[in-house]
C-alpha atoms as a PDB file:
ATOM      1  CA  MET A   1     -20.433  -3.417  -8.814  1.00  0.00           C
ATOM      2  CA  LEU A   2     -19.539   0.439  -7.487  1.00  0.00           C
ATOM      3  CA  THR A   3     -18.107   2.501  -9.258  1.00  0.00           C
ATOM      4  CA  ILE A   4     -14.792   3.930  -7.620  1.00  0.00           C
ATOM      5  CA  ARG A   5     -14.742   7.542  -6.461  1.00  0.00           C
ATOM      6  CA  ILE A   6     -12.001  10.367  -7.281  1.00  0.00           C
ATOM      7  CA  ILE A   7     -11.808  12.254  -4.086  1.00  0.00           C
ATOM      8  CA  PRO A   8      -9.764  15.565  -4.449  1.00  0.00           C
ATOM      9  CA  CYS A   9      -8.248  16.421  -0.863  1.00  0.00           C
ATOM     10  CA  LEU A  10      -8.011  20.203   0.353  1.00  0.00           C
ATOM     11  CA  ASP A  11      -5.206  20.520   3.379  1.00  0.00           C
ATOM     12  CA  VAL A  12      -5.923  23.878   4.837  1.00  0.00           C
ATOM     13  CA  ARG A  13      -3.931  25.638   7.023  1.00  0.00           C
ATOM     14  CA  SER A  14      -5.186  29.341   7.998  1.00  0.00           C
ATOM     15  CA  GLY A  15      -7.819  29.419   5.665  1.00  0.00           C
ATOM     16  CA  ARG A  16      -5.509  28.342   2.849  1.00  0.00           C
ATOM     17  CA  VAL A  17      -4.931  25.173   1.095  1.00  0.00           C
ATOM     18  CA  VAL A  18      -1.682  24.095   1.700  1.00  0.00           C
ATOM     19  CA  LYS A  19       0.618  21.032   0.191  1.00  0.00           C
ATOM     20  CA  GLY A  20       3.923  19.284   1.161  1.00  0.00           C
ATOM     21  CA  VAL A  21       6.093  16.274   1.493  1.00  0.00           C
ATOM     22  CA  ARG A  22       5.114  13.645   4.172  1.00  0.00           C
ATOM     23  CA  PHE A  23       3.064  16.257   5.623  1.00  0.00           C
ATOM     24  CA  GLN A  24       6.348  18.672   5.933  1.00  0.00           C
ATOM     25  CA  ASN A  25       7.580  21.727   3.910  1.00  0.00           C
ATOM     26  CA  LEU A  26       4.347  22.863   3.238  1.00  0.00           C
ATOM     27  CA  ARG A  27       3.552  25.571   0.271  1.00  0.00           C
ATOM     28  CA  ASP A  28       0.741  27.253  -0.673  1.00  0.00           C
ATOM     29  CA  MET A  29      -2.097  26.340  -3.123  1.00  0.00           C
ATOM     30  CA  GLY A  30      -4.813  28.714  -3.052  1.00  0.00           C
ATOM     31  CA  ASP A  31      -8.479  29.389  -1.401  1.00  0.00           C
ATOM     32  CA  PRO A  32     -10.136  26.478  -0.594  1.00  0.00           C
ATOM     33  CA  ALA A  33     -13.555  27.305  -2.193  1.00  0.00           C
ATOM     34  CA  THR A  34     -12.219  28.308  -5.476  1.00  0.00           C
ATOM     35  CA  LEU A  35     -10.228  25.102  -5.563  1.00  0.00           C
ATOM     36  CA  ALA A  36     -13.449  23.403  -4.432  1.00  0.00           C
ATOM     37  CA  ALA A  37     -15.232  24.593  -7.246  1.00  0.00           C
ATOM     38  CA  ALA A  38     -12.812  23.905 -10.054  1.00  0.00           C
ATOM     39  CA  GLN A  39     -12.266  20.285  -8.793  1.00  0.00           C
ATOM     40  CA  GLU A  40     -16.134  19.587  -8.563  1.00  0.00           C
ATOM     41  CA  ALA A  41     -16.605  21.151 -12.342  1.00  0.00           C
ATOM     42  CA  ALA A  42     -13.606  18.834 -13.471  1.00  0.00           C
ATOM     43  CA  GLY A  43     -15.858  15.847 -12.516  1.00  0.00           C
ATOM     44  CA  ALA A  44     -14.688  15.358  -8.823  1.00  0.00           C
ATOM     45  CA  ASP A  45     -17.238  12.733  -7.155  1.00  0.00           C
ATOM     46  CA  GLU A  46     -16.811  13.499  -3.292  1.00  0.00           C
ATOM     47  CA  LEU A  47     -14.379  16.367  -1.569  1.00  0.00           C
ATOM     48  CA  VAL A  48     -12.024  16.166   1.480  1.00  0.00           C
ATOM     49  CA  VAL A  49     -11.058  19.009   3.767  1.00  0.00           C
ATOM     50  CA  LEU A  50      -8.834  18.124   6.614  1.00  0.00           C
ATOM     51  CA  ASP A  51      -7.410  21.318   9.036  1.00  0.00           C
ATOM     52  CA  ILE A  52      -3.984  19.891   9.071  1.00  0.00           C
ATOM     53  CA  THR A  53      -3.017  22.330  12.131  1.00  0.00           C
ATOM     54  CA  ALA A  54      -6.342  21.671  14.259  1.00  0.00           C
ATOM     55  CA  THR A  55      -5.357  19.130  16.566  1.00  0.00           C
ATOM     56  CA  ASP A  56      -1.741  20.378  16.994  1.00  0.00           C
ATOM     57  CA  GLU A  57      -3.150  23.802  17.808  1.00  0.00           C
ATOM     58  CA  ALA A  58      -6.169  22.091  20.346  1.00  0.00           C
ATOM     59  CA  ARG A  59      -9.009  23.445  18.472  1.00  0.00           C
ATOM     60  CA  GLY A  60     -11.820  22.174  15.698  1.00  0.00           C
ATOM     61  CA  THR A  61     -12.085  22.974  12.323  1.00  0.00           C
ATOM     62  CA  ARG A  62     -12.175  26.643  11.353  1.00  0.00           C
ATOM     63  CA  LEU A  63     -15.943  26.637  10.147  1.00  0.00           C
ATOM     64  CA  GLU A  64     -15.714  29.523   7.923  1.00  0.00           C
ATOM     65  CA  THR A  65     -13.611  27.426   5.732  1.00  0.00           C
ATOM     66  CA  VAL A  66     -16.286  24.870   5.833  1.00  0.00           C
ATOM     67  CA  ARG A  67     -19.196  26.877   5.033  1.00  0.00           C
ATOM     68  CA  SER A  68     -17.013  28.341   2.073  1.00  0.00           C
ATOM     69  CA  VAL A  69     -16.930  25.477   0.919  1.00  0.00           C
ATOM     70  CA  ARG A  70     -20.043  24.377   1.002  1.00  0.00           C
ATOM     71  CA  ALA A  71     -21.406  27.467  -0.592  1.00  0.00           C
ATOM     72  CA  ALA A  72     -19.126  26.793  -3.753  1.00  0.00           C
ATOM     73  CA  ILE A  73     -20.085  22.892  -4.315  1.00  0.00           C
ATOM     74  CA  GLY A  74     -23.032  19.922  -4.563  1.00  0.00           C
ATOM     75  CA  ILE A  75     -21.308  17.005  -3.572  1.00  0.00           C
ATOM     76  CA  PRO A  76     -20.480  14.960  -0.720  1.00  0.00           C
ATOM     77  CA  LEU A  77     -18.093  16.729   1.693  1.00  0.00           C
ATOM     78  CA  THR A  78     -15.900  15.179   4.106  1.00  0.00           C
ATOM     79  CA  ILE A  79     -14.193  17.467   6.872  1.00  0.00           C
ATOM     80  CA  GLY A  80     -11.715  16.281   9.594  1.00  0.00           C
ATOM     81  CA  GLY A  81      -9.061  18.245  11.835  1.00  0.00           C
ATOM     82  CA  GLY A  82      -9.434  18.476  15.839  1.00  0.00           C
ATOM     83  CA  VAL A  83     -12.526  16.180  15.956  1.00  0.00           C
ATOM     84  CA  ARG A  84     -12.587  15.570  19.744  1.00  0.00           C
ATOM     85  CA  ALA A  85     -16.325  15.117  20.462  1.00  0.00           C
ATOM     86  CA  ALA A  86     -20.105  15.205  19.169  1.00  0.00           C
ATOM     87  CA  GLU A  87     -19.987  18.734  19.781  1.00  0.00           C
ATOM     88  CA  ASP A  88     -17.472  19.187  17.168  1.00  0.00           C
ATOM     89  CA  VAL A  89     -19.376  16.871  14.579  1.00  0.00           C
ATOM     90  CA  GLU A  90     -22.788  18.479  15.121  1.00  0.00           C
ATOM     91  CA  SER A  91     -21.118  22.026  14.120  1.00  0.00           C
ATOM     92  CA  LEU A  92     -19.265  20.859  11.230  1.00  0.00           C
ATOM     93  CA  LEU A  93     -22.390  19.213  10.110  1.00  0.00           C
ATOM     94  CA  GLU A  94     -24.395  22.248  10.647  1.00  0.00           C
ATOM     95  CA  ALA A  95     -21.838  24.169   8.672  1.00  0.00           C
ATOM     96  CA  GLY A  96     -22.453  21.820   5.668  1.00  0.00           C
ATOM     97  CA  ALA A  97     -20.420  18.768   6.525  1.00  0.00           C
ATOM     98  CA  ASP A  98     -22.003  15.603   5.342  1.00  0.00           C
ATOM     99  CA  LYS A  99     -19.347  13.411   6.878  1.00  0.00           C
ATOM    100  CA  VAL A 100     -16.651  13.756   9.273  1.00  0.00           C
ATOM    101  CA  ALA A 101     -13.058  12.405   9.649  1.00  0.00           C
ATOM    102  CA  VAL A 102     -11.648  11.685  13.175  1.00  0.00           C
ATOM    103  CA  ASN A 103      -8.200  10.413  13.100  1.00  0.00           C
ATOM    104  CA  THR A 104      -5.975  11.222  16.670  1.00  0.00           C
ATOM    105  CA  ALA A 105      -8.992  11.554  19.040  1.00  0.00           C
ATOM    106  CA  ALA A 106     -10.322   8.015  18.009  1.00  0.00           C
ATOM    107  CA  ILE A 107      -6.533   6.575  18.710  1.00  0.00           C
ATOM    108  CA  LEU A 108      -6.871   8.370  22.425  1.00  0.00           C
ATOM    109  CA  ASP A 109     -10.198   6.937  22.798  1.00  0.00           C
ATOM    110  CA  PRO A 110     -11.446   4.264  20.628  1.00  0.00           C
ATOM    111  CA  ALA A 111     -15.187   4.192  21.857  1.00  0.00           C
ATOM    112  CA  LEU A 112     -15.442   7.874  20.603  1.00  0.00           C
ATOM    113  CA  ILE A 113     -16.217   5.999  17.228  1.00  0.00           C
ATOM    114  CA  THR A 114     -19.149   4.101  18.597  1.00  0.00           C
ATOM    115  CA  ALA A 115     -20.419   6.917  20.496  1.00  0.00           C
ATOM    116  CA  LEU A 116     -20.252   8.978  17.282  1.00  0.00           C
ATOM    117  CA  ALA A 117     -21.733   6.547  14.620  1.00  0.00           C
ATOM    118  CA  ALA A 118     -24.492   6.074  17.390  1.00  0.00           C
ATOM    119  CA  ARG A 119     -25.528   9.538  17.660  1.00  0.00           C
ATOM    120  CA  PHE A 120     -24.653  10.452  13.749  1.00  0.00           C
ATOM    121  CA  GLY A 121     -25.046   7.400  11.918  1.00  0.00           C
ATOM    122  CA  ALA A 122     -22.204   4.819  10.741  1.00  0.00           C
ATOM    123  CA  GLN A 123     -22.299   6.544   7.534  1.00  0.00           C
ATOM    124  CA  CYS A 124     -21.296   9.960   8.817  1.00  0.00           C
ATOM    125  CA  VAL A 125     -18.537   8.189  10.702  1.00  0.00           C
ATOM    126  CA  VAL A 126     -15.100   7.910   8.629  1.00  0.00           C
ATOM    127  CA  ALA A 127     -11.979   6.521  10.201  1.00  0.00           C
ATOM    128  CA  SER A 128      -8.923   8.596   9.265  1.00  0.00           C
ATOM    129  CA  ILE A 129      -5.486   6.580   9.643  1.00  0.00           C
ATOM    130  CA  ASP A 130      -2.439   7.376   8.563  1.00  0.00           C
ATOM    131  CA  CYS A 131       0.701   4.686   8.447  1.00  0.00           C
ATOM    132  CA  ARG A 132       4.358   4.640   7.854  1.00  0.00           C
ATOM    133  CA  SER A 133       6.283   1.642   6.980  1.00  0.00           C
ATOM    134  CA  ASP A 134       7.648  -0.858   9.977  1.00  0.00           C
ATOM    135  CA  PRO A 135       9.106  -3.848   9.828  1.00  0.00           C
ATOM    136  CA  ALA A 136       8.430  -4.506  13.308  1.00  0.00           C
ATOM    137  CA  ALA A 137       4.405  -4.400  12.899  1.00  0.00           C
ATOM    138  CA  ALA A 138       2.564  -7.331  12.259  1.00  0.00           C
ATOM    139  CA  SER A 139       1.268  -5.609   8.849  1.00  0.00           C
ATOM    140  CA  GLY A 140       4.668  -4.185   8.077  1.00  0.00           C
ATOM    141  CA  PHE A 141       3.152  -0.987   8.946  1.00  0.00           C
ATOM    142  CA  THR A 142       2.605   1.197  12.280  1.00  0.00           C
ATOM    143  CA  VAL A 143      -0.537   3.795  12.927  1.00  0.00           C
ATOM    144  CA  VAL A 144       1.191   7.139  13.254  1.00  0.00           C
ATOM    145  CA  SER A 145      -0.486  10.877  14.493  1.00  0.00           C
ATOM    146  CA  HIS A 146       0.203  14.646  14.643  1.00  0.00           C
ATOM    147  CA  ALA A 147       1.456  14.709  11.212  1.00  0.00           C
ATOM    148  CA  GLY A 148       3.553  11.322  11.275  1.00  0.00           C
ATOM    149  CA  LYS A 149       5.253  12.796  14.381  1.00  0.00           C
ATOM    150  CA  VAL A 150       3.869  10.431  16.910  1.00  0.00           C
ATOM    151  CA  ASN A 151       3.866   6.222  16.487  1.00  0.00           C
ATOM    152  CA  ALA A 152       0.435   5.600  18.000  1.00  0.00           C
ATOM    153  CA  GLY A 153       1.758   2.028  18.845  1.00  0.00           C
ATOM    154  CA  LEU A 154      -0.726   0.326  16.944  1.00  0.00           C
ATOM    155  CA  ASP A 155      -0.465  -2.146  14.284  1.00  0.00           C
ATOM    156  CA  LEU A 156      -2.277  -1.090  10.603  1.00  0.00           C
ATOM    157  CA  ALA A 157      -4.376  -3.954   9.899  1.00  0.00           C
ATOM    158  CA  GLU A 158      -5.104  -4.524  13.712  1.00  0.00           C
ATOM    159  CA  TRP A 159      -6.457  -0.827  14.216  1.00  0.00           C
ATOM    160  CA  ALA A 160      -8.328  -0.710  10.542  1.00  0.00           C
ATOM    161  CA  ALA A 161     -10.183  -4.347  11.818  1.00  0.00           C
ATOM    162  CA  ARG A 162     -10.929  -2.287  15.102  1.00  0.00           C
ATOM    163  CA  VAL A 163     -12.199   0.793  13.460  1.00  0.00           C
ATOM    164  CA  GLU A 164     -14.595  -1.222  11.411  1.00  0.00           C
ATOM    165  CA  ALA A 165     -16.215  -3.393  14.735  1.00  0.00           C
ATOM    166  CA  LEU A 166     -16.306   0.194  16.251  1.00  0.00           C
ATOM    167  CA  GLY A 167     -18.756   1.602  14.128  1.00  0.00           C
ATOM    168  CA  ALA A 168     -16.737   3.275  11.660  1.00  0.00           C
ATOM    169  CA  GLY A 169     -18.392   3.849   7.782  1.00  0.00           C
ATOM    170  CA  GLU A 170     -15.187   4.128   5.649  1.00  0.00           C
ATOM    171  CA  ILE A 171     -11.598   4.446   6.174  1.00  0.00           C
ATOM    172  CA  VAL A 172      -9.514   7.078   4.785  1.00  0.00           C
ATOM    173  CA  LEU A 173      -6.012   5.229   4.507  1.00  0.00           C
ATOM    174  CA  THR A 174      -3.274   7.692   4.254  1.00  0.00           C
ATOM    175  CA  SER A 175       0.401   6.360   3.261  1.00  0.00           C
ATOM    176  CA  TRP A 176       2.858   8.655   5.194  1.00  0.00           C
ATOM    177  CA  ASN A 177       5.852   7.340   3.595  1.00  0.00           C
ATOM    178  CA  ASN A 178       4.205   8.095  -0.300  1.00  0.00           C
ATOM    179  CA  ASP A 179       2.495  11.197   0.895  1.00  0.00           C
ATOM    180  CA  GLY A 180       3.372  14.207  -1.396  1.00  0.00           C
ATOM    181  CA  THR A 181       6.218  12.357  -3.313  1.00  0.00           C
ATOM    182  CA  GLY A 182       4.447  11.536  -6.539  1.00  0.00           C
ATOM    183  CA  GLY A 183       5.654   7.728  -6.389  1.00  0.00           C
ATOM    184  CA  GLY A 184       1.876   5.961  -6.206  1.00  0.00           C
ATOM    185  CA  TYR A 185       0.013   4.882  -3.878  1.00  0.00           C
ATOM    186  CA  ASP A 186       1.377   2.383  -0.856  1.00  0.00           C
ATOM    187  CA  LEU A 187      -0.315  -0.700  -2.292  1.00  0.00           C
ATOM    188  CA  ASP A 188       0.946  -3.096  -0.043  1.00  0.00           C
ATOM    189  CA  ALA A 189      -0.586  -0.977   3.011  1.00  0.00           C
ATOM    190  CA  ILE A 190      -3.969  -0.935   0.566  1.00  0.00           C
ATOM    191  CA  ARG A 191      -4.257  -4.764   0.590  1.00  0.00           C
ATOM    192  CA  ARG A 192      -3.459  -5.202   4.335  1.00  0.00           C
ATOM    193  CA  VAL A 193      -6.173  -3.173   5.176  1.00  0.00           C
ATOM    194  CA  ARG A 194      -8.712  -4.699   2.047  1.00  0.00           C
ATOM    195  CA  ALA A 195      -7.825  -8.110   3.589  1.00  0.00           C
ATOM    196  CA  ARG A 196      -9.052  -7.053   6.867  1.00  0.00           C
ATOM    197  CA  VAL A 197     -11.898  -5.165   6.388  1.00  0.00           C
ATOM    198  CA  ASN A 198     -15.368  -5.084   4.677  1.00  0.00           C
ATOM    199  CA  LEU A 199     -15.927  -0.868   4.631  1.00  0.00           C
ATOM    200  CA  PRO A 200     -15.097   1.009   1.878  1.00  0.00           C
ATOM    201  CA  VAL A 201     -11.015   1.764   1.822  1.00  0.00           C
ATOM    202  CA  ILE A 202     -10.168   5.467   0.888  1.00  0.00           C
ATOM    203  CA  ALA A 203      -6.397   5.192  -0.791  1.00  0.00           C
ATOM    204  CA  SER A 204      -4.607   8.596   0.148  1.00  0.00           C
ATOM    205  CA  GLY A 205      -0.743   9.257  -0.697  1.00  0.00           C
ATOM    206  CA  GLY A 206       1.600   9.757  -3.341  1.00  0.00           C
ATOM    207  CA  ALA A 207      -0.755   9.930  -6.453  1.00  0.00           C
ATOM    208  CA  ALA A 208       0.787  11.495  -9.525  1.00  0.00           C
ATOM    209  CA  THR A 209      -0.115   9.125 -12.629  1.00  0.00           C
ATOM    210  CA  ALA A 210      -2.845   7.723 -14.135  1.00  0.00           C
ATOM    211  CA  GLY A 211      -1.327   4.643 -13.486  1.00  0.00           C
ATOM    212  CA  HIS A 212      -1.332   4.877  -9.775  1.00  0.00           C
ATOM    213  CA  PHE A 213      -5.056   5.241  -9.803  1.00  0.00           C
ATOM    214  CA  ILE A 214      -5.443   2.534 -11.727  1.00  0.00           C
ATOM    215  CA  ASP A 215      -2.903   0.160  -9.528  1.00  0.00           C
ATOM    216  CA  ALA A 216      -4.760   1.478  -5.950  1.00  0.00           C
ATOM    217  CA  ALA A 217      -8.102   0.492  -7.476  1.00  0.00           C
ATOM    218  CA  ARG A 218      -6.767  -3.064  -8.461  1.00  0.00           C
ATOM    219  CA  ALA A 219      -5.046  -3.327  -4.681  1.00  0.00           C
ATOM    220  CA  GLY A 220      -8.932  -2.859  -3.412  1.00  0.00           C
ATOM    221  CA  ALA A 221      -9.134   0.756  -2.992  1.00  0.00           C
ATOM    222  CA  ASP A 222     -12.940   1.637  -3.072  1.00  0.00           C
ATOM    223  CA  ALA A 223     -11.887   5.364  -3.680  1.00  0.00           C
ATOM    224  CA  LEU A 224      -9.084   7.280  -4.568  1.00  0.00           C
ATOM    225  CA  LEU A 225      -7.988  10.563  -2.943  1.00  0.00           C
ATOM    226  CA  ALA A 226      -5.460  13.112  -4.209  1.00  0.00           C
ATOM    227  CA  ALA A 227      -4.178  16.762  -3.468  1.00  0.00           C
ATOM    228  CA  THR A 228      -1.306  17.978  -5.448  1.00  0.00           C
ATOM    229  CA  VAL A 229      -1.894  16.472  -8.700  1.00  0.00           C
ATOM    230  CA  PHE A 230      -5.636  17.915  -8.778  1.00  0.00           C
ATOM    231  CA  HIS A 231      -4.750  21.544  -7.566  1.00  0.00           C
ATOM    232  CA  GLU A 232      -2.351  22.204  -9.975  1.00  0.00           C
ATOM    233  CA  ARG A 233      -4.224  21.057 -12.912  1.00  0.00           C
ATOM    234  CA  PRO A 234      -8.028  19.898 -11.919  1.00  0.00           C
ATOM    235  CA  GLU A 235      -8.843  18.354 -15.482  1.00  0.00           C
ATOM    236  CA  THR A 236      -6.733  15.963 -14.456  1.00  0.00           C
ATOM    237  CA  ILE A 237      -9.892  14.262 -12.788  1.00  0.00           C
ATOM    238  CA  GLY A 238     -11.350  13.857 -15.967  1.00  0.00           C
ATOM    239  CA  ASP A 239      -8.196  12.589 -17.473  1.00  0.00           C
ATOM    240  CA  THR A 240      -8.158  10.050 -14.387  1.00  0.00           C
ATOM    241  CA  LYS A 241     -11.099   9.046 -14.848  1.00  0.00           C
ATOM    242  CA  ARG A 242     -11.283   8.234 -18.384  1.00  0.00           C
ATOM    243  CA  ALA A 243      -7.456   6.103 -18.152  1.00  0.00           C
ATOM    244  CA  LEU A 244      -9.749   4.016 -15.094  1.00  0.00           C
ATOM    245  CA  ALA A 245     -12.460   3.509 -17.048  1.00  0.00           C
ATOM    246  CA  GLN A 246     -10.126   2.263 -20.694  1.00  0.00           C
ATOM    247  CA  ALA A 247      -8.922   0.109 -17.918  1.00  0.00           C
ATOM    248  CA  GLY A 248     -11.741  -1.689 -17.129  1.00  0.00           C
ATOM    249  CA  VAL A 249     -12.169  -0.085 -13.689  1.00  0.00           C
ATOM    250  CA  PRO A 250     -16.072   0.667 -12.892  1.00  0.00           C
ATOM    251  CA  ILE A 251     -16.060   4.613 -12.761  1.00  0.00           C
ATOM    252  CA  ARG A 252     -18.606   7.282 -12.999  1.00  0.00           C
ATOM    253  CA  LEU A 253     -17.877   9.653 -16.043  1.00  0.00           C
END
């Protein structure tokens, strides 16, 4: 059985890590490289860095941030934000990324996922999906973009199945409703996606306690991503892993 991965996420704006609630009211959390090093030392299995304003500002991720984080850590690194073409991916990989996450550009041009997987390998392409609850959607969730401001008009479960068919290697599933609230992951969203795809699902949005991580693992997540709780207390990564192990969840201690 594969072990569950614990993945801190650094949301970066203007070279600084920030965090808010539902992608709004952002506050400064520190230097990306410093936080990344602390989280690796605490036991993080991988790291995700998202340049959260790159898409709105119509630019790519700032490569100096990627280089500084890569120089500080040795664990696998996923980078997202403003990825629109193969050239963006190539630049990020050269700067030190192991995997690249695509979100808005894939919604606008789904064939981009297939093109990137063909050129760089499926293991390199992460489909980042932001969702919010929507009773009108077949799965109960709709896909959103631009920090939750734009409804993409896509049903969550259908879009997840489609990105798998297009060639994505894994999915980062973020709940807009739960993001930054500390209320736990959206377990229903995880289950809906898990029922439709075979590729790894990384749950994101709302984690604050060990119980939240345990619940998400039992709901079908293959990896558990969190931000605020790990930024404020990196040692929480070790505490979380021990709690998962005690609950019978396969984890690398």
